[in-house]
C-alpha cells in the first residue's frame, strides 16, 4: 500500500478537523450574539409595556380633564344665563 492514499486521508481528516473547529467557534459567537439579541428584545418588551401603560394612563387623564372642562363649561354657562336676561 502506498503512502499517498494515507497522506490524502490524513489531509482530509485535518481539513475536517479544521472545519469542525471553525464551525464550533462560529457557533459560539452566534450563541453569544443570540443571547445579546434576546436580552435586547426583553428590554424592548419591557419598554413597550411601560410605554403602553403610560399611554393608557395619559388617555385616562385626558378623559378626566375633558370631563372636568365640560363641568366647568356647564357651570360657567349657568352663571352667564341670568346675566343675559338681566335688565339694566
PDB file of N, CA and C in Angstrom:
ATOM      1  N   UNK A   1       0.843  -1.168   0.000  1.00  0.00           N
ATOM      2  CA  UNK A   1       0.000   0.000   0.000  1.00  0.00           C
ATOM      3  C   UNK A   1       0.890   1.233   0.000  1.00  0.00           C
ATOM      4  N   UNK A   2       0.480   2.193  -0.757  1.00  0.00           N
ATOM      5  CA  UNK A   2       1.259   3.413  -0.929  1.00  0.00           C
ATOM      6  C   UNK A   2       0.933   4.404   0.179  1.00  0.00           C
ATOM      7  N   UNK A   3       1.892   5.280   0.450  1.00  0.00           N
ATOM      8  CA  UNK A   3       1.684   6.318   1.461  1.00  0.00           C
ATOM      9  C   UNK A   3       0.777   7.436   0.954  1.00  0.00           C
ATOM     10  N   UNK A   4       0.633   7.530  -0.366  1.00  0.00           N
ATOM     11  CA  UNK A   4      -0.153   8.632  -0.934  1.00  0.00           C
ATOM     12  C   UNK A   4      -1.620   8.591  -0.491  1.00  0.00           C
ATOM     13  N   UNK A   5      -2.322   7.460  -0.548  1.00  0.00           N
ATOM     14  CA  UNK A   5      -3.711   7.452  -0.073  1.00  0.00           C
ATOM     15  C   UNK A   5      -3.813   7.791   1.418  1.00  0.00           C
ATOM     16  N   UNK A   6      -2.864   7.316   2.213  1.00  0.00           N
ATOM     17  CA  UNK A   6      -2.878   7.634   3.641  1.00  0.00           C
ATOM     18  C   UNK A   6      -2.612   9.123   3.857  1.00  0.00           C
ATOM     19  N   UNK A   7      -1.719   9.656   3.037  1.00  0.00           N
ATOM     20  CA  UNK A   7      -1.418  11.087   3.105  1.00  0.00           C
ATOM     21  C   UNK A   7      -2.664  11.911   2.768  1.00  0.00           C
ATOM     22  N   UNK A   8      -3.358  11.495   1.719  1.00  0.00           N
ATOM     23  CA  UNK A   8      -4.587  12.189   1.313  1.00  0.00           C
ATOM     24  C   UNK A   8      -5.658  12.074   2.396  1.00  0.00           C
ATOM     25  N   UNK A   9      -5.763  10.886   2.961  1.00  0.00           N
ATOM     26  CA  UNK A   9      -6.736  10.682   4.034  1.00  0.00           C
ATOM     27  C   UNK A   9      -6.393  11.551   5.238  1.00  0.00           C
ATOM     28  N   UNK A  10      -5.114  11.637   5.569  1.00  0.00           N
ATOM     29  CA  UNK A  10      -4.658  12.480   6.685  1.00  0.00           C
ATOM     30  C   UNK A  10      -4.994  13.954   6.429  1.00  0.00           C
ATOM     31  N   UNK A  11      -4.746  14.425   5.194  1.00  0.00           N
ATOM     32  CA  UNK A  11      -5.070  15.810   4.835  1.00  0.00           C
ATOM     33  C   UNK A  11      -6.579  16.044   4.919  1.00  0.00           C
ATOM     34  N   UNK A  12      -7.346  15.081   4.468  1.00  0.00           N
ATOM     35  CA  UNK A  12      -8.802  15.187   4.503  1.00  0.00           C
ATOM     36  C   UNK A  12      -9.291  15.281   5.955  1.00  0.00           C
ATOM     37  N   UNK A  13      -8.737  14.419   6.825  1.00  0.00           N
ATOM     38  CA  UNK A  13      -9.115  14.427   8.237  1.00  0.00           C
ATOM     39  C   UNK A  13      -8.702  15.754   8.875  1.00  0.00           C
ATOM     40  N   UNK A  14      -7.496  16.239   8.563  1.00  0.00           N
ATOM     41  CA  UNK A  14      -7.043  17.524   9.087  1.00  0.00           C
ATOM     42  C   UNK A  14      -8.004  18.650   8.648  1.00  0.00           C
ATOM     43  N   UNK A  15      -8.389  18.602   7.392  1.00  0.00           N
ATOM     44  CA  UNK A  15      -9.311  19.589   6.852  1.00  0.00           C
ATOM     45  C   UNK A  15     -10.666  19.523   7.575  1.00  0.00           C
ATOM     46  N   UNK A  16     -11.136  18.311   7.810  1.00  0.00           N
ATOM     47  CA  UNK A  16     -12.394  18.140   8.535  1.00  0.00           C
ATOM     48  C   UNK A  16     -12.296  18.680   9.956  1.00  0.00           C
ATOM     49  N   UNK A  17     -11.196  18.429  10.624  1.00  0.00           N
ATOM     50  CA  UNK A  17     -10.995  18.903  11.992  1.00  0.00           C
ATOM     51  C   UNK A  17     -10.956  20.428  12.005  1.00  0.00           C
ATOM     52  N   UNK A  18     -10.245  21.029  11.054  1.00  0.00           N
ATOM     53  CA  UNK A  18     -10.187  22.493  10.970  1.00  0.00           C
ATOM     54  C   UNK A  18     -11.585  23.089  10.755  1.00  0.00           C
ATOM     55  N   UNK A  19     -12.325  22.493   9.845  1.00  0.00           N
ATOM     56  CA  UNK A  19     -13.688  22.971   9.588  1.00  0.00           C
ATOM     57  C   UNK A  19     -14.580  22.814  10.814  1.00  0.00           C
ATOM     58  N   UNK A  20     -14.439  21.687  11.493  1.00  0.00           N
ATOM     59  CA  UNK A  20     -15.232  21.450  12.686  1.00  0.00           C
ATOM     60  C   UNK A  20     -14.910  22.476  13.769  1.00  0.00           C
ATOM     61  N   UNK A  21     -13.635  22.753  13.988  1.00  0.00           N
ATOM     62  CA  UNK A  21     -13.217  23.748  14.982  1.00  0.00           C
ATOM     63  C   UNK A  21     -13.715  25.143  14.595  1.00  0.00           C
ATOM     64  N   UNK A  22     -13.634  25.479  13.326  1.00  0.00           N
ATOM     65  CA  UNK A  22     -14.117  26.774  12.846  1.00  0.00           C
ATOM     66  C   UNK A  22     -15.622  26.890  13.093  1.00  0.00           C
ATOM     67  N   UNK A  23     -16.347  25.816  12.769  1.00  0.00           N
ATOM     68  CA  UNK A  23     -17.792  25.817  12.991  1.00  0.00           C
ATOM     69  C   UNK A  23     -18.146  25.941  14.473  1.00  0.00           C
ATOM     70  N   UNK A  24     -17.356  25.301  15.336  1.00  0.00           N
ATOM     71  CA  UNK A  24     -17.591  25.423  16.777  1.00  0.00           C
ATOM     72  C   UNK A  24     -17.381  26.868  17.244  1.00  0.00           C
ATOM     73  N   UNK A  25     -16.341  27.529  16.736  1.00  0.00           N
ATOM     74  CA  UNK A  25     -16.089  28.932  17.097  1.00  0.00           C
ATOM     75  C   UNK A  25     -17.240  29.818  16.617  1.00  0.00           C
ATOM     76  N   UNK A  26     -17.630  29.616  15.366  1.00  0.00           N
ATOM     77  CA  UNK A  26     -18.732  30.403  14.809  1.00  0.00           C
ATOM     78  C   UNK A  26     -20.022  30.156  15.596  1.00  0.00           C
ATOM     79  N   UNK A  27     -20.240  28.911  15.961  1.00  0.00           N
ATOM     80  CA  UNK A  27     -21.429  28.560  16.733  1.00  0.00           C
ATOM     81  C   UNK A  27     -21.414  29.280  18.080  1.00  0.00           C
ATOM     82  N   UNK A  28     -20.264  29.318  18.723  1.00  0.00           N
ATOM     83  CA  UNK A  28     -20.135  30.029  19.998  1.00  0.00           C
ATOM     84  C   UNK A  28     -20.409  31.516  19.837  1.00  0.00           C
ATOM     85  N   UNK A  29     -19.869  32.109  18.778  1.00  0.00           N
ATOM     86  CA  UNK A  29     -20.103  33.533  18.520  1.00  0.00           C
ATOM     87  C   UNK A  29     -21.588  33.797  18.259  1.00  0.00           C
ATOM     88  N   UNK A  30     -22.210  32.917  17.490  1.00  0.00           N
ATOM     89  CA  UNK A  30     -23.635  33.083  17.196  1.00  0.00           C
ATOM     90  C   UNK A  30     -24.492  32.913  18.446  1.00  0.00           C
ATOM     91  N   UNK A  31     -24.100  32.026  19.327  1.00  0.00           N
ATOM     92  CA  UNK A  31     -24.830  31.857  20.587  1.00  0.00           C
ATOM     93  C   UNK A  31     -24.739  33.118  21.437  1.00  0.00           C
ATOM     94  N   UNK A  32     -23.548  33.712  21.472  1.00  0.00           N
ATOM     95  CA  UNK A  32     -23.382  34.964  22.222  1.00  0.00           C
ATOM     96  C   UNK A  32     -24.236  36.071  21.604  1.00  0.00           C
ATOM     97  N   UNK A  33     -24.208  36.165  20.288  1.00  0.00           N
ATOM     98  CA  UNK A  33     -24.995  37.171  19.589  1.00  0.00           C
ATOM     99  C   UNK A  33     -26.490  36.943  19.832  1.00  0.00           C
ATOM    100  N   UNK A  34     -26.918  35.699  19.801  1.00  0.00           N
ATOM    101  CA  UNK A  34     -28.314  35.368  20.066  1.00  0.00           C
ATOM    102  C   UNK A  34     -28.708  35.771  21.482  1.00  0.00           C
ATOM    103  N   UNK A  35     -27.849  35.514  22.445  1.00  0.00           N
ATOM    104  CA  UNK A  35     -28.128  35.893  23.827  1.00  0.00           C
ATOM    105  C   UNK A  35     -28.244  37.408  23.952  1.00  0.00           C
ATOM    106  N   UNK A  36     -27.357  38.134  23.291  1.00  0.00           N
ATOM    107  CA  UNK A  36     -27.422  39.599  23.298  1.00  0.00           C
ATOM    108  C   UNK A  36     -28.737  40.071  22.696  1.00  0.00           C
ATOM    109  N   UNK A  37     -29.129  39.472  21.584  1.00  0.00           N
ATOM    110  CA  UNK A  37     -30.379  39.853  20.930  1.00  0.00           C
ATOM    111  C   UNK A  37     -31.586  39.527  21.810  1.00  0.00           C
ATOM    112  N   UNK A  38     -31.540  38.419  22.497  1.00  0.00           N
ATOM    113  CA  UNK A  38     -32.634  38.062  23.412  1.00  0.00           C
ATOM    114  C   UNK A  38     -32.742  39.080  24.548  1.00  0.00           C
ATOM    115  N   UNK A  39     -31.599  39.490  25.080  1.00  0.00           N
ATOM    116  CA  UNK A  39     -31.608  40.489  26.151  1.00  0.00           C
ATOM    117  C   UNK A  39     -32.168  41.812  25.634  1.00  0.00           C
ATOM    118  N   UNK A  40     -31.755  42.207  24.432  1.00  0.00           N
ATOM    119  CA  UNK A  40     -32.266  43.448  23.841  1.00  0.00           C
ATOM    120  C   UNK A  40     -33.766  43.355  23.599  1.00  0.00           C
ATOM    121  N   UNK A  41     -34.219  42.212  23.138  1.00  0.00           N
ATOM    122  CA  UNK A  41     -35.653  42.006  22.905  1.00  0.00           C
ATOM    123  C   UNK A  41     -36.429  42.132  24.208  1.00  0.00           C
ATOM    124  N   UNK A  42     -35.918  41.545  25.272  1.00  0.00           N
ATOM    125  CA  UNK A  42     -36.590  41.628  26.568  1.00  0.00           C
ATOM    126  C   UNK A  42     -36.647  43.077  27.044  1.00  0.00           C
ATOM    127  N   UNK A  43     -35.555  43.828  26.860  1.00  0.00           N
ATOM    128  CA  UNK A  43     -35.549  45.243  27.237  1.00  0.00           C
ATOM    129  C   UNK A  43     -36.598  46.013  26.436  1.00  0.00           C
ATOM    130  N   UNK A  44     -36.679  45.729  25.141  1.00  0.00           N
ATOM    131  CA  UNK A  44     -37.668  46.401  24.295  1.00  0.00           C
ATOM    132  C   UNK A  44     -39.094  46.047  24.718  1.00  0.00           C
ATOM    133  N   UNK A  45     -39.311  44.805  25.087  1.00  0.00           N
ATOM    134  CA  UNK A  45     -40.640  44.387  25.550  1.00  0.00           C
ATOM    135  C   UNK A  45     -41.022  45.141  26.827  1.00  0.00           C
ATOM    136  N   UNK A  46     -40.052  45.265  27.745  1.00  0.00           N
ATOM    137  CA  UNK A  46     -40.318  45.981  28.986  1.00  0.00           C
ATOM    138  C   UNK A  46     -40.605  47.454  28.715  1.00  0.00           C
ATOM    139  N   UNK A  47     -39.829  48.066  27.812  1.00  0.00           N
ATOM    140  CA  UNK A  47     -40.059  49.468  27.456  1.00  0.00           C
ATOM    141  C   UNK A  47     -41.416  49.631  26.789  1.00  0.00           C
ATOM    142  N   UNK A  48     -41.761  48.689  25.927  1.00  0.00           N
ATOM    143  CA  UNK A  48     -43.053  48.741  25.239  1.00  0.00           C
ATOM    144  C   UNK A  48     -44.197  48.636  26.238  1.00  0.00           C
ATOM    145  N   UNK A  49     -44.055  47.755  27.201  1.00  0.00           N
ATOM    146  CA  UNK A  49     -45.083  47.599  28.227  1.00  0.00           C
ATOM    147  C   UNK A  49     -45.219  48.886  29.039  1.00  0.00           C
ATOM    148  N   UNK A  50     -44.088  49.462  29.412  1.00  0.00           N
ATOM    149  CA  UNK A  50     -44.119  50.705  30.180  1.00  0.00           C
ATOM    150  C   UNK A  50     -44.753  51.822  29.358  1.00  0.00           C
ATOM    151  N   UNK A  51     -44.401  51.893  28.087  1.00  0.00           N
ATOM    152  CA  UNK A  51     -44.970  52.913  27.211  1.00  0.00           C
ATOM    153  C   UNK A  51     -46.475  52.709  27.060  1.00  0.00           C
ATOM    154  N   UNK A  52     -46.896  51.485  26.888  1.00  0.00           N
ATOM    155  CA  UNK A  52     -48.327  51.182  26.762  1.00  0.00           C
ATOM    156  C   UNK A  52     -49.081  51.594  28.017  1.00  0.00           C
ATOM    157  N   UNK A  53     -48.503  51.310  29.163  1.00  0.00           N
ATOM    158  CA  UNK A  53     -49.151  51.676  30.414  1.00  0.00           C
ATOM    159  C   UNK A  53     -49.213  53.199  30.562  1.00  0.00           C
ATOM    160  N   UNK A  54     -48.143  53.872  30.144  1.00  0.00           N
ATOM    161  CA  UNK A  54     -48.126  55.334  30.222  1.00  0.00           C
ATOM    162  C   UNK A  54     -49.173  55.937  29.286  1.00  0.00           C
ATOM    163  N   UNK A  55     -49.286  55.387  28.090  1.00  0.00           N
ATOM    164  CA  UNK A  55     -50.298  55.858  27.137  1.00  0.00           C
ATOM    165  C   UNK A  55     -51.695  55.662  27.715  1.00  0.00           C
ATOM    166  N   UNK A  56     -51.934  54.506  28.301  1.00  0.00           N
ATOM    167  CA  UNK A  56     -53.240  54.228  28.897  1.00  0.00           C
ATOM    168  C   UNK A  56     -53.540  55.230  30.008  1.00  0.00           C
ATOM    169  N   UNK A  57     -52.542  55.501  30.831  1.00  0.00           N
ATOM    170  CA  UNK A  57     -52.701  56.459  31.916  1.00  0.00           C
ATOM    171  C   UNK A  57     -52.986  57.862  31.376  1.00  0.00           C
ATOM    172  N   UNK A  58     -52.260  58.268  30.343  1.00  0.00           N
ATOM    173  CA  UNK A  58     -52.475  59.586  29.743  1.00  0.00           C
ATOM    174  C   UNK A  58     -53.858  59.697  29.114  1.00  0.00           C
ATOM    175  N   UNK A  59     -54.330  58.646  28.494  1.00  0.00           N
ATOM    176  CA  UNK A  59     -55.676  58.660  27.917  1.00  0.00           C
ATOM    177  C   UNK A  59     -56.734  58.814  29.006  1.00  0.00           C
ATOM    178  N   UNK A  60     -56.544  58.098  30.100  1.00  0.00           N
ATOM    179  CA  UNK A  60     -57.486  58.200  31.211  1.00  0.00           C
ATOM    180  C   UNK A  60     -57.460  59.616  31.777  1.00  0.00           C
ATOM    181  N   UNK A  61     -56.270  60.170  31.919  1.00  0.00           N
ATOM    182  CA  UNK A  61     -56.137  61.537  32.424  1.00  0.00           C
ATOM    183  C   UNK A  61     -56.811  62.534  31.473  1.00  0.00           C
ATOM    184  N   UNK A  62     -56.651  62.326  30.186  1.00  0.00           N
ATOM    185  CA  UNK A  62     -57.290  63.200  29.193  1.00  0.00           C
ATOM    186  C   UNK A  62     -58.813  63.146  29.317  1.00  0.00           C
ATOM    187  N   UNK A  63     -59.366  61.941  29.487  1.00  0.00           N
ATOM    188  CA  UNK A  63     -60.808  61.810  29.661  1.00  0.00           C
ATOM    189  C   UNK A  63     -61.276  62.529  30.927  1.00  0.00           C
ATOM    190  N   UNK A  64     -60.497  62.403  31.974  1.00  0.00           N
ATOM    191  CA  UNK A  64     -60.855  63.061  33.225  1.00  0.00           C
ATOM    192  C   UNK A  64     -60.813  64.584  33.052  1.00  0.00           C
ATOM    193  N   UNK A  65     -59.802  65.098  32.386  1.00  0.00           N
ATOM    194  CA  UNK A  65     -59.696  66.542  32.146  1.00  0.00           C
ATOM    195  C   UNK A  65     -60.851  67.022  31.287  1.00  0.00           C
ATOM    196  N   UNK A  66     -61.180  66.275  30.245  1.00  0.00           N
ATOM    197  CA  UNK A  66     -62.325  66.652  29.396  1.00  0.00           C
ATOM    198  C   UNK A  66     -63.610  66.718  30.216  1.00  0.00           C
ATOM    199  N   UNK A  67     -63.788  65.759  31.091  1.00  0.00           N
ATOM    200  CA  UNK A  67     -64.978  65.729  31.933  1.00  0.00           C
ATOM    201  C   UNK A  67     -65.013  66.959  32.843  1.00  0.00           C
ATOM    202  N   UNK A  68     -63.882  67.292  33.425  1.00  0.00           N
ATOM    203  CA  UNK A  68     -63.814  68.467  34.299  1.00  0.00           C
ATOM    204  C   UNK A  68     -64.096  69.749  33.514  1.00  0.00           C
ATOM    205  N   UNK A  69     -63.507  69.850  32.324  1.00  0.00           N
ATOM    206  CA  UNK A  69     -63.721  71.029  31.487  1.00  0.00           C
ATOM    207  C   UNK A  69     -65.197  71.155  31.133  1.00  0.00           C
ATOM    208  N   UNK A  70     -65.828  70.056  30.813  1.00  0.00           N
ATOM    209  CA  UNK A  70     -67.254  70.085  30.469  1.00  0.00           C
ATOM    210  C   UNK A  70     -68.086  70.543  31.672  1.00  0.00           C
ATOM    211  N   UNK A  71     -67.758  70.063  32.861  1.00  0.00           N
ATOM    212  CA  UNK A  71     -68.482  70.501  34.063  1.00  0.00           C
ATOM    213  C   UNK A  71     -68.273  71.999  34.311  1.00  0.00           C
ATOM    214  N   UNK A  72     -67.056  72.467  34.118  1.00  0.00           N
ATOM    215  CA  UNK A  72     -66.765  73.895  34.293  1.00  0.00           C
ATOM    216  C   UNK A  72     -67.527  74.707  33.257  1.00  0.00           C
ATOM    217  N   UNK A  73     -67.547  74.233  32.025  1.00  0.00           N
ATOM    218  CA  UNK A  73     -68.274  74.923  30.951  1.00  0.00           C
ATOM    219  C   UNK A  73     -69.765  75.025  31.295  1.00  0.00           C
ATOM    220  N   UNK A  74     -70.333  73.936  31.775  1.00  0.00           N
ATOM    221  CA  UNK A  74     -71.749  73.944  32.160  1.00  0.00           C
ATOM    222  C   UNK A  74     -71.984  74.921  33.305  1.00  0.00           C
ATOM    223  N   UNK A  75     -71.057  74.934  34.244  1.00  0.00           N
ATOM    224  CA  UNK A  75     -71.184  75.832  35.382  1.00  0.00           C
ATOM    225  C   UNK A  75     -71.109  77.296  34.928  1.00  0.00           C
ATOM    226  N   UNK A  76     -70.146  77.600  34.063  1.00  0.00           N
ATOM    227  CA  UNK A  76     -69.992  78.958  33.545  1.00  0.00           C
ATOM    228  C   UNK A  76     -71.219  79.351  32.728  1.00  0.00           C
ATOM    229  N   UNK A  77     -71.721  78.439  31.921  1.00  0.00           N
ATOM    230  CA  UNK A  77     -72.927  78.722  31.139  1.00  0.00           C
ATOM    231  C   UNK A  77     -74.098  79.029  32.057  1.00  0.00           C
ATOM    232  N   UNK A  78     -74.200  78.314  33.129  1.00  0.00           N
ATOM    233  CA  UNK A  78     -75.266  78.542  34.103  1.00  0.00           C
ATOM    234  C   UNK A  78     -75.130  79.901  34.765  1.00  0.00           C
ATOM    235  N   UNK A  79     -73.924  80.342  34.984  1.00  0.00           N
ATOM    236  CA  UNK A  79     -73.696  81.650  35.590  1.00  0.00           C
ATOM    237  C   UNK A  79     -73.999  82.776  34.609  1.00  0.00           C
ATOM    238  N   UNK A  80     -73.750  82.558  33.327  1.00  0.00           N
ATOM    239  CA  UNK A  80     -73.951  83.595  32.312  1.00  0.00           C
ATOM    240  C   UNK A  80     -75.429  83.805  31.981  1.00  0.00           C
ATOM    241  N   UNK A  81     -76.254  82.821  32.068  1.00  0.00           N
ATOM    242  CA  UNK A  81     -77.663  82.925  31.668  1.00  0.00           C
ATOM    243  C   UNK A  81     -78.422  84.012  32.432  1.00  0.00           C
ATOM    244  N   UNK A  82     -78.342  84.103  33.729  1.00  0.00           N
ATOM    245  CA  UNK A  82     -79.076  85.172  34.413  1.00  0.00           C
ATOM    246  C   UNK A  82     -78.579  86.548  34.008  1.00  0.00           C
ATOM    247  N   UNK A  83     -77.313  86.661  33.716  1.00  0.00           N
ATOM    248  CA  UNK A  83     -76.763  87.953  33.328  1.00  0.00           C
ATOM    249  C   UNK A  83     -77.320  88.368  31.993  1.00  0.00           C
ATOM    250  N   UNK A  84     -77.483  87.475  31.070  1.00  0.00           N
ATOM    251  CA  UNK A  84     -78.042  87.775  29.756  1.00  0.00           C
ATOM    252  C   UNK A  84     -79.482  88.283  29.876  1.00  0.00           C
ATOM    253  N   UNK A  85     -80.208  87.740  30.777  1.00  0.00           N
ATOM    254  CA  UNK A  85     -81.611  88.102  30.918  1.00  0.00           C
ATOM    255  C   UNK A  85     -81.843  89.284  31.865  1.00  0.00           C
ATOM    256  N   UNK A  86     -80.800  89.734  32.505  1.00  0.00           N
ATOM    257  CA  UNK A  86     -80.943  90.826  33.468  1.00  0.00           C
ATOM    258  C   UNK A  86     -81.231  92.144  32.746  1.00  0.00           C
ATOM    259  N   UNK A  87     -82.068  92.946  33.386  1.00  0.00           N
ATOM    260  CA  UNK A  87     -82.426  94.257  32.855  1.00  0.00           C
ATOM    261  C   UNK A  87     -81.611  95.302  33.591  1.00  0.00           C
ATOM    262  N   UNK A  88     -80.984  96.176  32.816  1.00  0.00           N
ATOM    263  CA  UNK A  88     -80.186  97.224  33.451  1.00  0.00           C
ATOM    264  C   UNK A  88     -80.935  98.490  33.590  1.00  0.00           C
TER     265      UNK A  88
END
